[in-house]
N, C-alpha and C. Protein backbone atom coordinates (compact mmCIF):
# COMPACT_ATOMS: atom_id res chain seq x y z
N UNK A 1 36.89 -7.23 -22.05
CA UNK A 1 37.05 -5.54 -22.20
C UNK A 1 36.91 -5.42 -20.48
N UNK A 2 36.01 -4.73 -19.84
CA UNK A 2 35.80 -4.21 -18.59
C UNK A 2 34.47 -4.65 -18.07
N UNK A 3 34.48 -4.87 -16.76
CA UNK A 3 33.12 -4.71 -15.84
C UNK A 3 33.12 -3.18 -15.66
N UNK A 4 31.89 -2.44 -16.03
CA UNK A 4 31.47 -1.38 -15.90
C UNK A 4 30.74 -0.95 -14.59
N UNK A 5 31.02 0.21 -14.25
CA UNK A 5 30.37 0.54 -13.06
C UNK A 5 28.72 0.86 -13.27
N UNK A 6 27.82 -0.13 -12.31
CA UNK A 6 26.14 0.18 -12.98
C UNK A 6 25.81 1.55 -11.96
N UNK A 7 25.04 1.99 -12.91
CA UNK A 7 24.65 3.59 -12.16
C UNK A 7 23.34 2.80 -11.22
N UNK A 8 23.09 3.60 -10.03
CA UNK A 8 22.04 3.34 -9.15
C UNK A 8 20.89 4.23 -9.44
N UNK A 9 19.57 3.75 -8.90
CA UNK A 9 18.79 4.78 -8.83
C UNK A 9 18.63 6.24 -8.05
N UNK A 10 18.28 7.22 -8.97
CA UNK A 10 18.86 8.57 -8.17
C UNK A 10 19.81 9.11 -9.18
N UNK A 11 20.25 8.48 -10.02
CA UNK A 11 21.27 9.27 -11.00
C UNK A 11 20.39 9.61 -11.86
N UNK A 12 20.57 10.89 -12.70
CA UNK A 12 19.59 11.34 -13.48
C UNK A 12 19.79 10.87 -14.86
N UNK A 13 20.73 10.29 -15.09
CA UNK A 13 21.21 9.50 -16.44
C UNK A 13 20.12 8.09 -16.48
N UNK A 14 19.64 7.63 -15.71
CA UNK A 14 18.78 6.58 -15.80
C UNK A 14 17.39 7.10 -15.98
N UNK A 15 16.83 8.29 -16.09
CA UNK A 15 15.82 8.79 -16.20
C UNK A 15 15.65 9.52 -17.70
N UNK A 16 16.38 9.49 -18.55
CA UNK A 16 16.56 9.73 -19.89
C UNK A 16 16.15 8.85 -20.66
N UNK A 17 15.37 9.32 -21.75
CA UNK A 17 15.40 8.45 -23.19
C UNK A 17 16.56 8.28 -23.84
N UNK A 18 17.02 6.68 -23.98
CA UNK A 18 18.16 6.80 -24.94
C UNK A 18 18.02 7.04 -26.23
N UNK A 19 19.16 7.52 -27.25
CA UNK A 19 19.21 7.59 -28.50
C UNK A 19 19.13 6.27 -29.23
N UNK A 20 18.87 6.50 -30.31
CA UNK A 20 18.77 4.93 -31.32
C UNK A 20 20.29 4.81 -31.90
N UNK A 21 20.38 3.46 -32.00
CA UNK A 21 21.86 3.35 -32.68
C UNK A 21 21.84 3.55 -34.03
N UNK A 22 22.73 3.98 -34.80
CA UNK A 22 22.71 4.46 -36.28
C UNK A 22 23.46 3.72 -37.17
N UNK A 23 24.65 2.87 -36.36
CA UNK A 23 25.51 2.22 -37.24
C UNK A 23 25.56 0.99 -36.28
N UNK A 24 25.74 -0.07 -37.12
CA UNK A 24 25.86 -1.35 -36.67
C UNK A 24 27.38 -2.06 -37.05
N UNK A 25 27.67 -3.30 -36.19
CA UNK A 25 28.93 -3.87 -36.55
C UNK A 25 30.22 -3.00 -36.88
N UNK A 26 30.25 -2.18 -35.56
CA UNK A 26 31.16 -1.12 -35.35
C UNK A 26 32.12 -1.62 -34.05
N UNK A 27 33.47 -1.29 -33.86
CA UNK A 27 34.64 -1.76 -32.96
C UNK A 27 33.61 -1.14 -31.80
N UNK A 28 33.16 -0.08 -31.92
CA UNK A 28 33.01 0.72 -30.51
C UNK A 28 31.48 -0.15 -30.09
N UNK A 29 30.66 -0.40 -30.82
CA UNK A 29 29.52 -1.08 -30.57
C UNK A 29 29.90 -2.42 -29.71
N UNK A 30 30.97 -3.25 -30.88
CA UNK A 30 31.28 -4.63 -30.17
C UNK A 30 32.00 -4.27 -28.49
N UNK A 31 32.77 -3.22 -28.26
CA UNK A 31 33.28 -3.28 -27.29
C UNK A 31 32.34 -2.70 -26.10
N UNK A 32 31.34 -2.18 -26.57
CA UNK A 32 30.02 -1.86 -25.41
C UNK A 32 29.26 -3.12 -25.06
N UNK A 33 28.92 -3.76 -26.20
CA UNK A 33 28.07 -5.03 -25.47
C UNK A 33 28.96 -6.02 -24.98
N UNK A 34 30.50 -6.32 -25.42
CA UNK A 34 31.28 -6.94 -24.68
C UNK A 34 31.41 -6.64 -22.97
N UNK A 35 31.61 -5.37 -22.82
CA UNK A 35 31.45 -4.73 -21.75
C UNK A 35 30.43 -5.07 -20.85
N UNK A 36 29.13 -5.00 -21.62
CA UNK A 36 27.63 -5.17 -20.92
C UNK A 36 27.59 -6.46 -20.73
N UNK A 37 28.11 -7.35 -21.33
CA UNK A 37 27.81 -9.11 -20.94
C UNK A 37 28.71 -9.45 -19.83
N UNK A 38 30.28 -8.66 -19.92
CA UNK A 38 30.92 -8.43 -18.55
C UNK A 38 30.29 -8.11 -17.44
N UNK A 39 29.78 -6.96 -17.16
CA UNK A 39 29.01 -6.34 -15.95
C UNK A 39 27.96 -7.06 -15.77
N UNK A 40 27.11 -7.73 -16.54
CA UNK A 40 25.90 -8.50 -16.33
C UNK A 40 26.21 -9.80 -15.80
N UNK A 41 27.35 -10.46 -16.14
CA UNK A 41 27.66 -11.79 -15.56
C UNK A 41 28.41 -11.40 -14.49
N UNK A 42 28.92 -10.25 -14.33
CA UNK A 42 29.94 -10.23 -12.68
C UNK A 42 28.59 -9.86 -11.94
N UNK A 43 27.68 -9.39 -11.99
CA UNK A 43 26.65 -9.19 -10.98
C UNK A 43 25.43 -10.01 -11.22
N UNK A 44 25.53 -11.15 -11.73
CA UNK A 44 24.51 -12.49 -11.71
C UNK A 44 23.53 -11.60 -12.26
N UNK A 45 23.48 -10.73 -13.13
CA UNK A 45 22.18 -10.24 -13.69
C UNK A 45 21.34 -10.96 -14.98
N UNK A 46 20.06 -11.00 -15.24
CA UNK A 46 19.39 -11.59 -16.13
C UNK A 46 19.44 -10.69 -17.65
N UNK A 47 19.80 -9.21 -17.35
CA UNK A 47 19.68 -8.30 -18.20
C UNK A 47 20.38 -6.99 -17.97
N UNK A 48 20.62 -6.32 -18.98
CA UNK A 48 21.34 -4.79 -18.57
C UNK A 48 21.05 -4.27 -19.92
N UNK A 49 20.89 -2.69 -19.57
CA UNK A 49 20.66 -1.73 -20.52
C UNK A 49 21.69 -0.69 -20.63
N UNK A 50 21.86 -0.29 -21.72
CA UNK A 50 23.27 0.67 -21.63
C UNK A 50 23.22 1.53 -20.97
N UNK A 51 21.85 2.56 -20.78
CA UNK A 51 21.76 3.48 -19.89
C UNK A 51 22.11 3.19 -18.40
N UNK A 52 22.17 1.99 -17.91
CA UNK A 52 22.42 1.50 -16.80
C UNK A 52 24.06 1.23 -16.51
N UNK A 53 24.90 1.63 -17.37
CA UNK A 53 26.23 1.97 -17.32
C UNK A 53 26.80 3.18 -17.91
N UNK A 54 25.64 4.10 -18.03
CA UNK A 54 25.85 5.38 -18.61
C UNK A 54 25.95 5.73 -20.04
N UNK A 55 25.79 4.67 -20.95
CA UNK A 55 25.59 5.05 -22.14
C UNK A 55 24.20 5.30 -22.88
N UNK A 56 24.16 6.19 -23.33
CA UNK A 56 22.67 6.88 -23.95
C UNK A 56 22.45 6.14 -25.44
N UNK A 57 22.34 5.06 -25.36
CA UNK A 57 22.20 4.48 -26.73
C UNK A 57 21.08 2.97 -26.33
N UNK A 58 19.86 2.94 -27.26
CA UNK A 58 18.98 2.11 -27.45
C UNK A 58 19.79 0.55 -27.36
N UNK A 59 20.25 -0.07 -26.13
CA UNK A 59 20.96 -1.30 -26.40
C UNK A 59 20.91 -1.86 -25.22
N UNK A 60 20.19 -3.11 -25.56
CA UNK A 60 19.73 -4.05 -24.10
C UNK A 60 20.55 -5.38 -24.62
N UNK A 61 20.73 -6.05 -23.22
CA UNK A 61 21.05 -7.53 -23.56
C UNK A 61 20.51 -8.18 -22.39
N UNK A 62 20.59 -9.49 -22.61
CA UNK A 62 19.65 -10.39 -21.51
C UNK A 62 20.14 -11.73 -22.09
N UNK A 63 19.62 -12.48 -20.96
CA UNK A 63 20.01 -14.29 -21.08
C UNK A 63 20.16 -14.70 -19.87
N UNK A 64 19.39 -15.83 -19.71
CA UNK A 64 19.18 -16.44 -18.42
C UNK A 64 19.24 -18.05 -18.62
N UNK A 65 20.53 -18.76 -18.10
CA UNK A 65 20.39 -20.01 -18.07
C UNK A 65 20.66 -20.57 -16.61
N UNK A 66 21.51 -20.78 -15.96
CA UNK A 66 21.23 -21.08 -14.42
C UNK A 66 21.94 -19.70 -13.99
N UNK A 67 21.26 -19.10 -13.13
CA UNK A 67 21.20 -17.81 -12.68
C UNK A 67 21.12 -18.16 -11.07
N UNK A 68 21.72 -17.68 -9.97
CA UNK A 68 21.44 -17.81 -8.29
C UNK A 68 20.35 -16.87 -8.25
N UNK A 69 20.62 -15.67 -8.85
CA UNK A 69 19.26 -14.82 -8.41
C UNK A 69 18.08 -15.16 -9.12
N UNK A 70 18.07 -15.85 -9.83
CA UNK A 70 16.73 -16.34 -10.44
C UNK A 70 16.54 -17.83 -10.81
N UNK A 71 16.65 -18.62 -9.63
CA UNK A 71 16.88 -20.04 -9.53
C UNK A 71 15.75 -20.86 -10.26
N UNK A 72 14.57 -20.39 -10.14
CA UNK A 72 13.38 -20.96 -10.60
C UNK A 72 13.12 -20.55 -12.03
N UNK A 73 13.83 -19.76 -12.60
CA UNK A 73 13.64 -19.20 -13.98
C UNK A 73 13.71 -20.15 -15.43
N UNK A 74 12.92 -19.93 -16.20
CA UNK A 74 12.88 -20.41 -17.34
C UNK A 74 14.01 -20.07 -17.98
N UNK A 75 14.93 -20.84 -19.02
CA UNK A 75 15.78 -20.48 -19.85
C UNK A 75 15.57 -19.08 -20.56
N UNK A 76 16.19 -18.25 -20.86
CA UNK A 76 16.04 -16.95 -21.68
C UNK A 76 17.29 -17.04 -22.63
N UNK A 77 17.02 -16.95 -23.92
CA UNK A 77 18.14 -16.95 -24.92
C UNK A 77 19.23 -15.59 -24.84
N UNK A 78 20.89 -15.89 -24.63
CA UNK A 78 21.52 -14.67 -24.49
C UNK A 78 21.30 -14.05 -26.04
N UNK A 79 21.01 -12.70 -25.70
CA UNK A 79 20.46 -11.81 -26.70
C UNK A 79 20.97 -10.46 -26.50
N UNK A 80 21.14 -9.65 -27.86
CA UNK A 80 21.70 -8.52 -28.01
C UNK A 80 20.73 -7.43 -28.84
N UNK A 81 20.03 -6.82 -28.35
CA UNK A 81 18.82 -6.42 -28.80
C UNK A 81 18.65 -4.52 -29.11
N UNK A 82 18.94 -4.41 -30.47
CA UNK A 82 19.31 -2.77 -30.26
C UNK A 82 18.00 -2.37 -31.09
N UNK A 83 17.47 -1.03 -30.75
CA UNK A 83 16.45 -0.49 -31.18
C UNK A 83 15.37 -0.92 -31.27
N UNK A 84 15.11 -1.49 -29.96
CA UNK A 84 13.63 -2.89 -29.85
C UNK A 84 12.33 -2.09 -29.89
N UNK A 85 11.39 -2.62 -30.45
CA UNK A 85 10.31 -2.48 -30.48
C UNK A 85 9.42 -3.63 -29.79
N UNK A 86 8.70 -3.24 -28.46
CA UNK A 86 7.59 -4.16 -27.91
C UNK A 86 6.14 -3.86 -28.58
N UNK A 87 5.49 -5.03 -28.81
CA UNK A 87 3.94 -4.73 -28.86
C UNK A 87 3.41 -6.07 -28.06
N UNK A 88 2.47 -5.71 -27.01
CA UNK A 88 1.57 -6.86 -26.33
C UNK A 88 1.05 -7.48 -27.50
N UNK A 89 0.76 -8.70 -26.96
CA UNK A 89 -0.33 -9.36 -27.86
C UNK A 89 -1.63 -10.00 -27.49
N UNK A 90 -1.72 -9.64 -26.11
CA UNK A 90 -3.04 -9.53 -25.43
C UNK A 90 -2.91 -8.66 -24.42
N UNK A 91 -4.17 -8.69 -23.74
CA UNK A 91 -4.45 -7.67 -22.74
C UNK A 91 -3.97 -8.46 -21.20
N UNK A 92 -3.72 -9.59 -21.21
CA UNK A 92 -3.36 -10.52 -20.18
C UNK A 92 -1.84 -9.83 -19.73
N UNK A 93 -1.90 -9.65 -17.82
CA UNK A 93 -1.02 -9.33 -17.21
C UNK A 93 -0.86 -10.02 -16.20
N UNK A 94 0.44 -10.20 -16.04
CA UNK A 94 0.89 -10.70 -14.76
C UNK A 94 1.71 -9.95 -13.80
N UNK A 95 1.77 -10.40 -12.11
CA UNK A 95 2.55 -9.79 -11.55
C UNK A 95 3.89 -10.64 -11.00
N UNK A 96 4.94 -10.33 -11.07
CA UNK A 96 6.12 -10.82 -10.52
C UNK A 96 6.77 -9.99 -9.94
N UNK A 97 7.93 -10.69 -9.00
CA UNK A 97 9.01 -9.87 -8.24
C UNK A 97 9.99 -9.68 -9.22
N UNK A 98 10.34 -8.41 -9.22
CA UNK A 98 11.26 -8.20 -9.83
C UNK A 98 12.60 -7.30 -9.11
N UNK A 99 13.73 -7.49 -9.44
CA UNK A 99 14.82 -6.79 -8.84
C UNK A 99 15.65 -6.09 -10.03
N UNK A 100 16.75 -5.29 -9.84
CA UNK A 100 17.30 -4.75 -10.86
C UNK A 100 18.93 -4.26 -10.30
N UNK A 101 19.82 -4.45 -11.24
CA UNK A 101 20.91 -3.98 -10.71
C UNK A 101 21.27 -2.35 -10.33
N UNK A 102 20.29 -1.81 -10.89
CA UNK A 102 20.37 -0.29 -10.37
C UNK A 102 19.58 0.17 -9.48
N UNK A 103 18.94 -1.11 -8.46
CA UNK A 103 18.27 -0.92 -7.49
C UNK A 103 18.72 -1.70 -6.44
N UNK A 104 20.06 -1.94 -5.85
CA UNK A 104 20.30 -2.99 -5.44
C UNK A 104 19.88 -3.43 -4.29
N UNK A 105 19.24 -4.66 -3.77
CA UNK A 105 18.93 -5.18 -2.83
C UNK A 105 17.61 -5.05 -2.44
N UNK A 106 16.95 -4.58 -3.33
CA UNK A 106 15.25 -4.21 -3.41
C UNK A 106 14.55 -5.20 -4.46
N UNK A 107 13.45 -5.37 -4.01
CA UNK A 107 12.32 -6.29 -4.93
C UNK A 107 11.00 -5.54 -5.12
N UNK A 108 10.42 -5.75 -6.08
CA UNK A 108 9.27 -5.06 -5.92
C UNK A 108 8.03 -6.17 -6.80
N UNK A 109 7.06 -6.04 -6.63
CA UNK A 109 5.56 -6.89 -7.30
C UNK A 109 5.42 -5.95 -8.70
N UNK A 110 5.66 -6.36 -9.71
CA UNK A 110 5.48 -5.69 -10.92
C UNK A 110 4.65 -6.35 -11.84
N UNK A 111 3.59 -5.43 -12.49
CA UNK A 111 2.66 -6.34 -13.24
C UNK A 111 3.45 -6.23 -14.85
N UNK A 112 3.09 -7.23 -15.47
CA UNK A 112 3.90 -6.79 -16.76
C UNK A 112 2.98 -7.47 -18.05
N UNK A 113 2.86 -7.44 -19.39
CA UNK A 113 2.40 -8.12 -20.14
C UNK A 113 2.70 -9.53 -20.18
N UNK A 114 1.87 -10.66 -20.51
CA UNK A 114 2.47 -11.91 -20.42
C UNK A 114 2.87 -12.29 -21.78
N UNK A 115 2.38 -11.78 -22.61
CA UNK A 115 2.58 -12.33 -24.05
C UNK A 115 2.94 -11.21 -25.09
N UNK A 116 3.99 -11.19 -25.41
CA UNK A 116 4.70 -9.95 -26.36
C UNK A 116 5.19 -10.53 -27.63
N UNK A 117 5.41 -9.50 -28.57
CA UNK A 117 6.13 -9.55 -29.64
C UNK A 117 7.13 -8.49 -29.92
N UNK A 118 8.43 -8.90 -30.06
CA UNK A 118 9.20 -7.58 -29.92
C UNK A 118 10.19 -7.80 -31.11
N UNK A 119 10.88 -6.84 -31.47
CA UNK A 119 11.88 -7.00 -33.01
C UNK A 119 12.68 -5.79 -32.63
N UNK A 120 14.10 -6.06 -33.20
CA UNK A 120 14.86 -4.75 -33.25
C UNK A 120 16.14 -5.63 -34.31
N UNK A 121 17.20 -5.23 -33.87
CA UNK A 121 18.56 -5.60 -34.42
C UNK A 121 19.64 -6.20 -33.68
N UNK A 122 20.26 -7.13 -33.95
CA UNK A 122 21.40 -7.58 -33.50
C UNK A 122 22.81 -6.50 -33.41
N UNK A 123 24.13 -6.93 -32.77
CA UNK A 123 24.97 -5.80 -33.25
C UNK A 123 25.50 -5.82 -34.71
N UNK A 124 25.26 -7.04 -35.26
CA UNK A 124 25.81 -6.90 -36.83
C UNK A 124 24.57 -6.33 -37.58
N UNK A 125 23.41 -5.86 -37.28
CA UNK A 125 22.15 -5.15 -38.03
C UNK A 125 21.33 -5.96 -38.62
N UNK A 126 21.28 -7.56 -38.07
CA UNK A 126 20.33 -8.48 -38.65
C UNK A 126 19.08 -8.33 -37.72
N UNK A 127 17.82 -8.30 -38.34
CA UNK A 127 16.80 -8.36 -37.75
C UNK A 127 16.18 -9.47 -36.79
N UNK A 128 15.84 -9.20 -35.40
CA UNK A 128 15.63 -10.16 -34.61
C UNK A 128 13.97 -10.01 -34.62
N UNK A 129 13.35 -10.97 -34.38
CA UNK A 129 11.88 -10.84 -34.57
C UNK A 129 11.37 -12.04 -33.51
N UNK A 130 10.74 -11.53 -32.39
CA UNK A 130 10.36 -12.85 -31.54
C UNK A 130 9.05 -12.64 -30.96
N UNK A 131 8.23 -13.68 -30.66
CA UNK A 131 6.97 -13.94 -30.01
C UNK A 131 7.23 -14.41 -28.49
N UNK A 132 7.23 -14.32 -27.43
CA UNK A 132 7.72 -14.80 -26.47
C UNK A 132 6.55 -14.56 -25.24
N UNK A 133 6.59 -15.25 -24.06
CA UNK A 133 5.96 -15.28 -22.92
C UNK A 133 6.45 -15.43 -21.70
N UNK A 134 6.09 -15.31 -20.51
CA UNK A 134 6.28 -15.60 -19.45
C UNK A 134 7.56 -14.83 -18.99
N UNK A 135 8.53 -15.62 -18.40
CA UNK A 135 9.61 -14.68 -17.77
C UNK A 135 10.50 -14.12 -18.98
N UNK A 136 10.82 -14.71 -20.00
CA UNK A 136 11.32 -13.84 -21.26
C UNK A 136 10.75 -12.76 -21.42
N UNK A 137 8.95 -12.46 -21.42
CA UNK A 137 8.81 -11.45 -21.65
C UNK A 137 8.79 -10.37 -21.01
N UNK A 138 9.10 -10.81 -19.49
CA UNK A 138 9.12 -9.77 -18.37
C UNK A 138 10.48 -9.46 -18.63
N UNK A 139 11.64 -9.94 -18.84
CA UNK A 139 12.87 -9.59 -18.87
C UNK A 139 13.03 -8.52 -20.00
N UNK A 140 12.50 -8.85 -21.09
CA UNK A 140 12.45 -7.95 -22.22
C UNK A 140 11.93 -6.66 -21.73
N UNK A 141 10.69 -6.70 -21.28
CA UNK A 141 10.03 -5.53 -20.71
C UNK A 141 10.80 -4.81 -20.04
N UNK A 142 11.42 -5.42 -18.70
CA UNK A 142 12.01 -4.63 -17.75
C UNK A 142 13.35 -3.84 -18.53
N UNK A 143 13.89 -4.43 -19.15
CA UNK A 143 15.28 -3.92 -19.74
C UNK A 143 14.56 -2.78 -20.75
N UNK A 144 13.77 -2.99 -21.61
CA UNK A 144 13.52 -2.20 -22.56
C UNK A 144 12.93 -0.56 -21.58
N UNK A 145 11.95 -0.98 -20.74
CA UNK A 145 11.95 0.24 -19.75
C UNK A 145 13.17 1.09 -19.61
N UNK A 146 14.23 0.78 -19.55
CA UNK A 146 15.44 1.35 -19.22
C UNK A 146 15.84 2.45 -20.14
N UNK A 147 15.41 1.93 -21.77
CA UNK A 147 16.01 2.85 -22.71
C UNK A 147 14.87 4.14 -22.63
N UNK A 148 13.62 4.16 -21.74
CA UNK A 148 12.69 5.27 -22.11
C UNK A 148 12.84 5.60 -20.34
N UNK A 149 13.87 5.38 -19.90
CA UNK A 149 13.97 6.51 -18.37
C UNK A 149 12.87 5.84 -17.45
N UNK A 150 12.77 4.73 -17.46
CA UNK A 150 11.89 4.00 -16.49
C UNK A 150 12.58 2.76 -15.61
N UNK A 151 12.31 2.93 -14.39
CA UNK A 151 13.09 2.02 -13.58
C UNK A 151 11.69 1.36 -12.89
N UNK A 152 11.88 -0.10 -12.52
CA UNK A 152 10.80 -0.71 -12.24
C UNK A 152 9.80 -0.52 -10.74
N UNK A 153 10.32 0.40 -10.01
CA UNK A 153 9.68 1.08 -9.32
C UNK A 153 8.44 1.97 -9.35
N UNK A 154 8.42 2.36 -10.61
CA UNK A 154 7.71 3.41 -11.26
C UNK A 154 6.55 2.49 -11.68
N UNK A 155 6.69 1.08 -11.94
CA UNK A 155 5.55 0.33 -12.23
C UNK A 155 4.66 -0.30 -11.25
N UNK A 156 5.39 -0.09 -10.06
CA UNK A 156 4.62 -0.91 -8.79
C UNK A 156 3.47 -0.33 -8.41
N UNK A 157 2.26 -1.18 -8.47
CA UNK A 157 0.98 -0.12 -8.24
C UNK A 157 0.58 -0.18 -6.81
N UNK A 158 1.37 -1.44 -5.95
CA UNK A 158 1.01 -1.43 -4.59
C UNK A 158 2.32 -1.04 -3.90
N UNK A 159 2.66 0.02 -3.36
CA UNK A 159 3.90 -0.03 -2.61
C UNK A 159 4.06 -0.87 -1.51
N UNK A 160 3.43 -1.28 -1.09
CA UNK A 160 3.77 -2.45 0.21
C UNK A 160 4.34 -3.66 -0.43
N UNK A 161 4.47 -3.88 -1.49
CA UNK A 161 5.10 -4.69 -2.20
C UNK A 161 6.41 -4.29 -2.93
N UNK A 162 6.86 -3.31 -2.40
CA UNK A 162 8.27 -3.04 -2.63
C UNK A 162 8.98 -2.86 -1.51
N UNK A 163 10.17 -3.11 -1.45
CA UNK A 163 11.14 -3.12 -0.35
C UNK A 163 12.45 -3.86 -0.64
N UNK A 164 13.06 -3.73 0.64
CA UNK A 164 14.41 -4.53 0.44
C UNK A 164 14.29 -6.04 0.51
N UNK A 165 14.91 -7.01 0.12
CA UNK A 165 14.89 -8.30 -0.28
C UNK A 165 14.82 -9.13 1.02
N UNK A 166 15.63 -8.69 2.04
CA UNK A 166 15.63 -9.34 3.28
C UNK A 166 14.31 -9.28 4.06
N UNK A 167 13.92 -7.82 4.06
CA UNK A 167 12.83 -7.86 4.77
C UNK A 167 11.39 -8.52 4.09
N UNK A 168 11.26 -8.41 2.74
CA UNK A 168 10.15 -9.07 2.11
C UNK A 168 10.48 -10.48 2.30
N UNK A 169 11.46 -10.90 2.26
CA UNK A 169 11.47 -12.60 2.82
C UNK A 169 11.25 -12.88 3.70
N UNK A 170 11.69 -12.07 4.83
CA UNK A 170 11.53 -12.23 6.80
C UNK A 170 9.91 -12.17 6.60
N UNK A 171 9.24 -11.44 6.20
CA UNK A 171 7.75 -11.38 6.33
C UNK A 171 6.89 -12.27 5.39
N UNK A 172 7.65 -13.22 4.54
CA UNK A 172 7.12 -14.04 3.93
C UNK A 172 6.21 -13.76 2.54
N UNK A 173 6.73 -12.50 2.21
CA UNK A 173 5.83 -11.75 1.21
C UNK A 173 6.46 -12.50 -0.26
N UNK A 174 7.95 -12.82 -0.18
CA UNK A 174 8.55 -13.23 -1.64
C UNK A 174 8.72 -14.87 -1.36
N UNK A 175 8.48 -15.61 -0.41
CA UNK A 175 8.76 -16.75 0.03
C UNK A 175 9.73 -16.98 1.02
N UNK A 176 10.69 -18.02 0.67
CA UNK A 176 11.66 -18.41 1.10
C UNK A 176 13.46 -17.99 0.86
N UNK A 177 13.98 -17.72 1.48
CA UNK A 177 15.62 -17.51 0.74
C UNK A 177 15.92 -18.57 -0.09
N UNK A 178 16.28 -18.58 -1.21
CA UNK A 178 17.05 -19.53 -2.12
C UNK A 178 18.31 -19.74 -2.43
N UNK A 179 19.03 -18.48 -2.43
CA UNK A 179 20.11 -18.34 -2.57
C UNK A 179 20.78 -17.35 -1.66
N UNK A 180 22.16 -17.24 -1.89
CA UNK A 180 23.01 -15.89 -1.02
C UNK A 180 22.65 -14.69 -1.30
N UNK A 181 22.30 -14.74 -2.67
CA UNK A 181 21.90 -13.44 -3.63
C UNK A 181 20.74 -12.96 -2.98
N UNK A 182 19.91 -13.66 -2.31
CA UNK A 182 18.38 -13.19 -1.50
C UNK A 182 18.62 -12.15 -0.56
N UNK A 183 19.82 -12.53 0.00
CA UNK A 183 20.12 -11.76 1.50
C UNK A 183 21.10 -10.49 0.98
N UNK A 184 20.76 -9.22 1.88
CA UNK A 184 21.70 -8.29 1.41
C UNK A 184 23.12 -8.53 1.30
């Protein structure tokens, strides 16, 4: 279908709570999801939420195999998740560096729950019900935040650990550059 424009931080559409999907397995939903996957792939993203491309629906996609933006990340299965619900399974949290296609060129150290249960539906309306940890849990929480109008910088407790990727790498806060995507 098409690679869509990704809205950037500052666009008010990213701050709204998205509406629930009421019909599954429709041509419009299929086209949206296809556009989302094409957009995510074109940007080397780990996930994408419908509000990031200006669609006010509770739809996220994610999946990580080999990704130059996340060279050390564990594999996350390619997933369409609609009308998601997330429940932390313990109080354990971990800080990890996050970036976002809507906040290009920047990274921040964000605390997230380490072990979650999530459920929702795929595009055909079939139930998804998973318990996950690690990077998979982080990606799901990040993408689902978009559905509630939350961008990852709003979750950063110490703004000393938020900045442009190049500067964070130069200062040794994020390690050393691993890919061309780690440069502006």
